[in-house]
Amino acid sequence: PSLGVFDDALCAAWKGEWSDPQLYFSKYSGSAWEPQIQIPNAYSDTGPALCQLGGTGTKKIAAWKNVFDQTLYYATYDGTHWSSPSQISGVGSSVGPSLASFGGKIYAAWKGEGSDQGLYYATYDGSSWSAQSSISGVASSVGPSLAGVGDKLYAVWKGESTDETLYYAYYPYGPTKTWSSQTPIPASGSSMGAAI
């Protein structure tokens, strides 16, 4: 599963068990989980990511890799119902995206399609997605994780191919719109990647 906070409620979303590619969602009341609901017409072999744009009452989304190919899709949630899925145009990933809210937008980041181990990102302003851009000079075999902290958006990832070192870089809020150089996390290693 993935976790997110929607209007101060803890939420979870996940792929169904075994060969079930449907995506499911539930909210936690503080003492019990609500019955799961299906995100309509959403299918993935890796599961979704969740994110809310800003504070209470703002846009909430799930994003995922399609089970039938490597295109990325998203759907929005109004607190009760999920929208029909829409494609994030012109992008693809073999493992699916990570999401984070930062600087008044939702950022998505992902590993490229197939054997492409480059890392890419795009932003969502509540109505449309930007074109994808690459995080220059970095690569991962499993994709990144994202989190916004203060005035920086951080990405963490496992290195490419057999490199099990964990790396990070940050993207600052403000006029400087470039990622920092990657830096290894000292004495770290993972064959599966990192989560924030």
C-alpha atoms as a PDB file:
ATOM      1  CA  PRO A   1       0.000   0.000   0.000  1.00  0.00           C
ATOM      2  CA  SER A   2       0.785   3.681  -0.110  1.00  0.00           C
ATOM      3  CA  LEU A   3      -0.320   6.204   2.520  1.00  0.00           C
ATOM      4  CA  GLY A   4      -1.499   9.787   2.269  1.00  0.00           C
ATOM      5  CA  VAL A   5      -3.310  12.406   4.345  1.00  0.00           C
ATOM      6  CA  PHE A   6      -6.514  13.745   2.770  1.00  0.00           C
ATOM      7  CA  ASP A   7      -8.135  16.556   4.784  1.00  0.00           C
ATOM      8  CA  ASP A   8      -6.471  15.343   8.002  1.00  0.00           C
ATOM      9  CA  ALA A   9      -7.663  11.753   7.476  1.00  0.00           C
ATOM     10  CA  LEU A  10      -5.144   8.943   6.976  1.00  0.00           C
ATOM     11  CA  CYS A  11      -5.788   7.130   3.700  1.00  0.00           C
ATOM     12  CA  ALA A  12      -4.335   4.029   2.085  1.00  0.00           C
ATOM     13  CA  ALA A  13      -4.420   2.728  -1.484  1.00  0.00           C
ATOM     14  CA  TRP A  14      -3.159  -0.564  -2.870  1.00  0.00           C
ATOM     15  CA  LYS A  15      -3.249  -3.127  -5.675  1.00  0.00           C
ATOM     16  CA  GLY A  16      -5.471  -6.163  -5.137  1.00  0.00           C
ATOM     17  CA  GLU A  17      -4.059  -9.501  -4.063  1.00  0.00           C
ATOM     18  CA  TRP A  18      -2.319 -11.962  -6.361  1.00  0.00           C
ATOM     19  CA  SER A  19      -3.442 -11.486  -9.972  1.00  0.00           C
ATOM     20  CA  ASP A  20      -6.089  -8.844  -9.135  1.00  0.00           C
ATOM     21  CA  PRO A  21      -4.833  -5.610 -10.779  1.00  0.00           C
ATOM     22  CA  GLN A  22      -7.648  -3.413  -9.450  1.00  0.00           C
ATOM     23  CA  LEU A  23      -6.774  -0.509  -7.147  1.00  0.00           C
ATOM     24  CA  TYR A  24      -8.488  -0.079  -3.783  1.00  0.00           C
ATOM     25  CA  PHE A  25      -8.758   2.746  -1.263  1.00  0.00           C
ATOM     26  CA  SER A  26      -9.734   3.154   2.389  1.00  0.00           C
ATOM     27  CA  LYS A  27      -9.768   5.902   5.035  1.00  0.00           C
ATOM     28  CA  TYR A  28      -8.845   5.505   8.705  1.00  0.00           C
ATOM     29  CA  SER A  29     -11.141   7.136  11.271  1.00  0.00           C
ATOM     30  CA  GLY A  30      -8.589   7.072  14.080  1.00  0.00           C
ATOM     31  CA  SER A  31      -9.920   3.816  15.477  1.00  0.00           C
ATOM     32  CA  ALA A  32     -10.932   1.703  12.455  1.00  0.00           C
ATOM     33  CA  TRP A  33     -10.539   1.491   8.695  1.00  0.00           C
ATOM     34  CA  GLU A  34     -13.576   2.124   6.505  1.00  0.00           C
ATOM     35  CA  PRO A  35     -14.593  -0.637   4.054  1.00  0.00           C
ATOM     36  CA  GLN A  36     -12.386  -0.610   0.985  1.00  0.00           C
ATOM     37  CA  ILE A  37     -13.692   0.930  -2.220  1.00  0.00           C
ATOM     38  CA  GLN A  38     -12.379   0.403  -5.733  1.00  0.00           C
ATOM     39  CA  ILE A  39     -10.844   3.302  -7.620  1.00  0.00           C
ATOM     40  CA  PRO A  40     -13.020   2.913 -10.743  1.00  0.00           C
ATOM     41  CA  ASN A  41     -11.357   1.580 -13.894  1.00  0.00           C
ATOM     42  CA  ALA A  42      -7.899   1.817 -12.296  1.00  0.00           C
ATOM     43  CA  TYR A  43      -5.579  -1.136 -12.887  1.00  0.00           C
ATOM     44  CA  SER A  44      -1.908  -1.494 -11.963  1.00  0.00           C
ATOM     45  CA  ASP A  45       0.664  -4.216 -11.384  1.00  0.00           C
ATOM     46  CA  THR A  46       2.640  -2.072  -8.930  1.00  0.00           C
ATOM     47  CA  GLY A  47       0.081  -0.045  -6.933  1.00  0.00           C
ATOM     48  CA  PRO A  48      -0.623   3.704  -6.711  1.00  0.00           C
ATOM     49  CA  ALA A  49       0.853   6.761  -5.011  1.00  0.00           C
ATOM     50  CA  LEU A  50      -1.333   9.257  -3.087  1.00  0.00           C
ATOM     51  CA  CYS A  51      -1.035  13.012  -2.593  1.00  0.00           C
ATOM     52  CA  GLN A  52      -3.074  16.104  -1.682  1.00  0.00           C
ATOM     53  CA  LEU A  53      -2.404  19.499  -3.224  1.00  0.00           C
ATOM     54  CA  GLY A  54      -2.057  21.892  -0.282  1.00  0.00           C
ATOM     55  CA  GLY A  55      -4.462  22.009   2.680  1.00  0.00           C
ATOM     56  CA  THR A  56      -8.012  20.972   3.514  1.00  0.00           C
ATOM     57  CA  GLY A  57     -10.479  21.056   0.655  1.00  0.00           C
ATOM     58  CA  THR A  58      -7.850  20.992  -2.091  1.00  0.00           C
ATOM     59  CA  LYS A  59      -7.364  18.497  -4.931  1.00  0.00           C
ATOM     60  CA  LYS A  60      -6.510  14.926  -3.974  1.00  0.00           C
ATOM     61  CA  ILE A  61      -5.040  12.434  -6.439  1.00  0.00           C
ATOM     62  CA  ALA A  62      -3.779   8.911  -6.905  1.00  0.00           C
ATOM     63  CA  ALA A  63      -1.292   8.109  -9.692  1.00  0.00           C
ATOM     64  CA  TRP A  64      -0.104   4.747 -10.987  1.00  0.00           C
ATOM     65  CA  LYS A  65       1.494   2.749 -13.791  1.00  0.00           C
ATOM     66  CA  ASN A  66      -1.079   1.038 -16.010  1.00  0.00           C
ATOM     67  CA  VAL A  67      -1.149  -2.766 -15.763  1.00  0.00           C
ATOM     68  CA  PHE A  68      -1.482  -3.198 -19.540  1.00  0.00           C
ATOM     69  CA  ASP A  69       1.515  -1.046 -20.559  1.00  0.00           C
ATOM     70  CA  GLN A  70       3.913   1.514 -19.052  1.00  0.00           C
ATOM     71  CA  THR A  71       1.747   4.620 -19.326  1.00  0.00           C
ATOM     72  CA  LEU A  72       0.995   6.629 -16.172  1.00  0.00           C
ATOM     73  CA  TYR A  73      -2.530   7.494 -15.065  1.00  0.00           C
ATOM     74  CA  TYR A  74      -4.120   9.526 -12.302  1.00  0.00           C
ATOM     75  CA  ALA A  75      -7.558  10.077 -10.769  1.00  0.00           C
ATOM     76  CA  THR A  76      -8.890  12.747  -8.421  1.00  0.00           C
ATOM     77  CA  TYR A  77     -10.910  12.266  -5.216  1.00  0.00           C
ATOM     78  CA  ASP A  78     -13.593  14.653  -3.936  1.00  0.00           C
ATOM     79  CA  GLY A  79     -13.842  13.144  -0.458  1.00  0.00           C
ATOM     80  CA  THR A  80     -16.487  10.633  -1.474  1.00  0.00           C
ATOM     81  CA  HIS A  81     -15.959   9.568  -5.087  1.00  0.00           C
ATOM     82  CA  TRP A  82     -13.031   9.003  -7.441  1.00  0.00           C
ATOM     83  CA  SER A  83     -13.008  10.468 -10.947  1.00  0.00           C
ATOM     84  CA  SER A  84     -12.439   8.349 -14.025  1.00  0.00           C
ATOM     85  CA  PRO A  85      -8.714   7.832 -14.699  1.00  0.00           C
ATOM     86  CA  SER A  86      -6.861  10.158 -17.061  1.00  0.00           C
ATOM     87  CA  GLN A  87      -3.501   9.593 -18.691  1.00  0.00           C
ATOM     88  CA  ILE A  88      -0.507  11.733 -17.780  1.00  0.00           C
ATOM     89  CA  SER A  89       0.234  12.471 -21.406  1.00  0.00           C
ATOM     90  CA  GLY A  90       3.549  11.609 -23.007  1.00  0.00           C
ATOM     91  CA  VAL A  91       5.198   9.821 -20.078  1.00  0.00           C
ATOM     92  CA  GLY A  92       5.851   6.239 -19.060  1.00  0.00           C
ATOM     93  CA  SER A  93       7.510   4.163 -16.345  1.00  0.00           C
ATOM     94  CA  SER A  94       8.229   0.513 -15.681  1.00  0.00           C
ATOM     95  CA  VAL A  95       7.622   0.920 -11.930  1.00  0.00           C
ATOM     96  CA  GLY A  96       5.198   3.828 -11.420  1.00  0.00           C
ATOM     97  CA  PRO A  97       5.451   7.296  -9.873  1.00  0.00           C
ATOM     98  CA  SER A  98       6.074   8.823  -6.474  1.00  0.00           C
ATOM     99  CA  LEU A  99       4.103  11.950  -5.452  1.00  0.00           C
ATOM    100  CA  ALA A 100       4.689  14.912  -3.125  1.00  0.00           C
ATOM    101  CA  SER A 101       3.079  18.308  -2.553  1.00  0.00           C
ATOM    102  CA  PHE A 102       5.527  21.211  -2.804  1.00  0.00           C
ATOM    103  CA  GLY A 103       5.366  24.889  -3.661  1.00  0.00           C
ATOM    104  CA  GLY A 104       1.646  24.888  -4.459  1.00  0.00           C
ATOM    105  CA  LYS A 105       1.883  21.954  -6.896  1.00  0.00           C
ATOM    106  CA  ILE A 106       1.980  18.180  -6.850  1.00  0.00           C
ATOM    107  CA  TYR A 107       5.270  16.766  -8.086  1.00  0.00           C
ATOM    108  CA  ALA A 108       5.473  13.287  -9.602  1.00  0.00           C
ATOM    109  CA  ALA A 109       8.796  11.517 -10.203  1.00  0.00           C
ATOM    110  CA  TRP A 110       9.509   8.153 -11.797  1.00  0.00           C
ATOM    111  CA  LYS A 111      12.027   5.858 -13.474  1.00  0.00           C
ATOM    112  CA  GLY A 112      11.795   5.707 -17.277  1.00  0.00           C
ATOM    113  CA  GLU A 113      10.207   2.977 -19.375  1.00  0.00           C
ATOM    114  CA  GLY A 114      11.741  -0.471 -19.873  1.00  0.00           C
ATOM    115  CA  SER A 115      15.517  -0.427 -19.530  1.00  0.00           C
ATOM    116  CA  ASP A 116      15.632   3.391 -19.273  1.00  0.00           C
ATOM    117  CA  GLN A 117      16.962   4.056 -15.756  1.00  0.00           C
ATOM    118  CA  GLY A 118      16.809   7.840 -16.054  1.00  0.00           C
ATOM    119  CA  LEU A 119      14.671   9.730 -13.526  1.00  0.00           C
ATOM    120  CA  TYR A 120      11.948  12.116 -14.684  1.00  0.00           C
ATOM    121  CA  TYR A 121       9.435  14.456 -13.085  1.00  0.00           C
ATOM    122  CA  ALA A 122       6.395  16.598 -13.881  1.00  0.00           C
ATOM    123  CA  THR A 123       4.099  18.913 -11.924  1.00  0.00           C
ATOM    124  CA  TYR A 124       0.320  19.084 -11.495  1.00  0.00           C
ATOM    125  CA  ASP A 125      -1.318  22.418 -10.674  1.00  0.00           C
ATOM    126  CA  GLY A 126      -4.777  21.054  -9.914  1.00  0.00           C
ATOM    127  CA  SER A 127      -5.999  21.104 -13.510  1.00  0.00           C
ATOM    128  CA  SER A 128      -3.177  19.959 -15.820  1.00  0.00           C
ATOM    129  CA  TRP A 129       0.271  18.349 -15.886  1.00  0.00           C
ATOM    130  CA  SER A 130       3.453  19.984 -17.104  1.00  0.00           C
ATOM    131  CA  ALA A 131       5.669  18.308 -19.687  1.00  0.00           C
ATOM    132  CA  GLN A 132       8.129  15.858 -18.168  1.00  0.00           C
ATOM    133  CA  SER A 133      11.705  16.921 -17.410  1.00  0.00           C
ATOM    134  CA  SER A 134      14.691  14.770 -16.483  1.00  0.00           C
ATOM    135  CA  ILE A 135      16.611  14.900 -13.223  1.00  0.00           C
ATOM    136  CA  SER A 136      19.916  15.376 -15.001  1.00  0.00           C
ATOM    137  CA  GLY A 137      22.854  13.050 -14.455  1.00  0.00           C
ATOM    138  CA  VAL A 138      21.146  10.481 -12.194  1.00  0.00           C
ATOM    139  CA  ALA A 139      19.695   7.013 -12.655  1.00  0.00           C
ATOM    140  CA  SER A 140      17.898   4.276 -10.707  1.00  0.00           C
ATOM    141  CA  SER A 141      16.762   0.739 -11.389  1.00  0.00           C
ATOM    142  CA  VAL A 142      13.677   1.079  -9.162  1.00  0.00           C
ATOM    143  CA  GLY A 143      12.711   4.760  -9.118  1.00  0.00           C
ATOM    144  CA  PRO A 144      12.683   7.593  -6.544  1.00  0.00           C
ATOM    145  CA  SER A 145      10.692   8.613  -3.497  1.00  0.00           C
ATOM    146  CA  LEU A 146       9.708  12.269  -2.905  1.00  0.00           C
ATOM    147  CA  ALA A 147       9.024  14.522   0.097  1.00  0.00           C
ATOM    148  CA  GLY A 148       8.753  18.281   0.487  1.00  0.00           C
ATOM    149  CA  VAL A 149      10.507  19.689   3.584  1.00  0.00           C
ATOM    150  CA  GLY A 150      10.574  23.436   4.208  1.00  0.00           C
ATOM    151  CA  ASP A 151      11.719  25.190   1.040  1.00  0.00           C
ATOM    152  CA  LYS A 152      13.125  22.069  -0.652  1.00  0.00           C
ATOM    153  CA  LEU A 153      11.688  19.034  -2.438  1.00  0.00           C
ATOM    154  CA  TYR A 154      13.851  15.968  -1.770  1.00  0.00           C
ATOM    155  CA  ALA A 155      14.202  12.850  -3.906  1.00  0.00           C
ATOM    156  CA  VAL A 156      15.886   9.654  -2.693  1.00  0.00           C
ATOM    157  CA  TRP A 157      16.667   6.627  -4.868  1.00  0.00           C
ATOM    158  CA  LYS A 158      18.718   3.460  -5.248  1.00  0.00           C
ATOM    159  CA  GLY A 159      21.498   3.666  -7.838  1.00  0.00           C
ATOM    160  CA  GLU A 160      21.291   2.176 -11.311  1.00  0.00           C
ATOM    161  CA  SER A 161      21.672  -1.530 -12.150  1.00  0.00           C
ATOM    162  CA  THR A 162      23.680  -3.290  -9.417  1.00  0.00           C
ATOM    163  CA  ASP A 163      24.614  -0.083  -7.574  1.00  0.00           C
ATOM    164  CA  GLU A 164      22.813  -0.472  -4.237  1.00  0.00           C
ATOM    165  CA  THR A 165      23.929   2.874  -2.833  1.00  0.00           C
ATOM    166  CA  LEU A 166      21.163   5.278  -1.855  1.00  0.00           C
ATOM    167  CA  TYR A 167      21.391   8.819  -3.248  1.00  0.00           C
ATOM    168  CA  TYR A 168      19.488  12.041  -2.745  1.00  0.00           C
ATOM    169  CA  ALA A 169      19.078  15.418  -4.384  1.00  0.00           C
ATOM    170  CA  TYR A 170      16.848  18.411  -3.737  1.00  0.00           C
ATOM    171  CA  TYR A 171      14.883  20.924  -5.764  1.00  0.00           C
ATOM    172  CA  PRO A 172      14.627  24.381  -4.149  1.00  0.00           C
ATOM    173  CA  TYR A 173      11.540  26.540  -4.010  1.00  0.00           C
ATOM    174  CA  GLY A 174      11.994  29.889  -5.732  1.00  0.00           C
ATOM    175  CA  PRO A 175      13.672  31.181  -8.882  1.00  0.00           C
ATOM    176  CA  THR A 176      16.398  28.505  -9.032  1.00  0.00           C
ATOM    177  CA  LYS A 177      14.622  25.729 -10.915  1.00  0.00           C
ATOM    178  CA  THR A 178      17.335  23.084 -11.010  1.00  0.00           C
ATOM    179  CA  TRP A 179      18.015  19.939  -9.037  1.00  0.00           C
ATOM    180  CA  SER A 180      21.110  19.802  -6.859  1.00  0.00           C
ATOM    181  CA  SER A 181      23.860  17.314  -7.657  1.00  0.00           C
ATOM    182  CA  GLN A 182      23.194  13.841  -6.312  1.00  0.00           C
ATOM    183  CA  THR A 183      24.826  12.942  -2.995  1.00  0.00           C
ATOM    184  CA  PRO A 184      25.191   9.432  -1.545  1.00  0.00           C
ATOM    185  CA  ILE A 185      23.608   8.731   1.830  1.00  0.00           C
ATOM    186  CA  PRO A 186      26.621   7.564   3.893  1.00  0.00           C
ATOM    187  CA  ALA A 187      26.854   3.855   4.698  1.00  0.00           C
ATOM    188  CA  SER A 188      23.574   3.122   2.931  1.00  0.00           C
ATOM    189  CA  GLY A 189      22.514   0.405   0.563  1.00  0.00           C
ATOM    190  CA  SER A 190      19.342  -1.177  -0.759  1.00  0.00           C
ATOM    191  CA  SER A 191      18.311  -3.624  -3.442  1.00  0.00           C
ATOM    192  CA  MET A 192      14.722  -2.327  -3.376  1.00  0.00           C
ATOM    193  CA  GLY A 193      14.919   1.475  -3.191  1.00  0.00           C
ATOM    194  CA  ALA A 194      13.913   4.049  -0.608  1.00  0.00           C
ATOM    195  CA  ALA A 195      10.661   5.419   0.764  1.00  0.00           C
ATOM    196  CA  ILE A 196       9.953   8.763   2.359  1.00  0.00           C
END
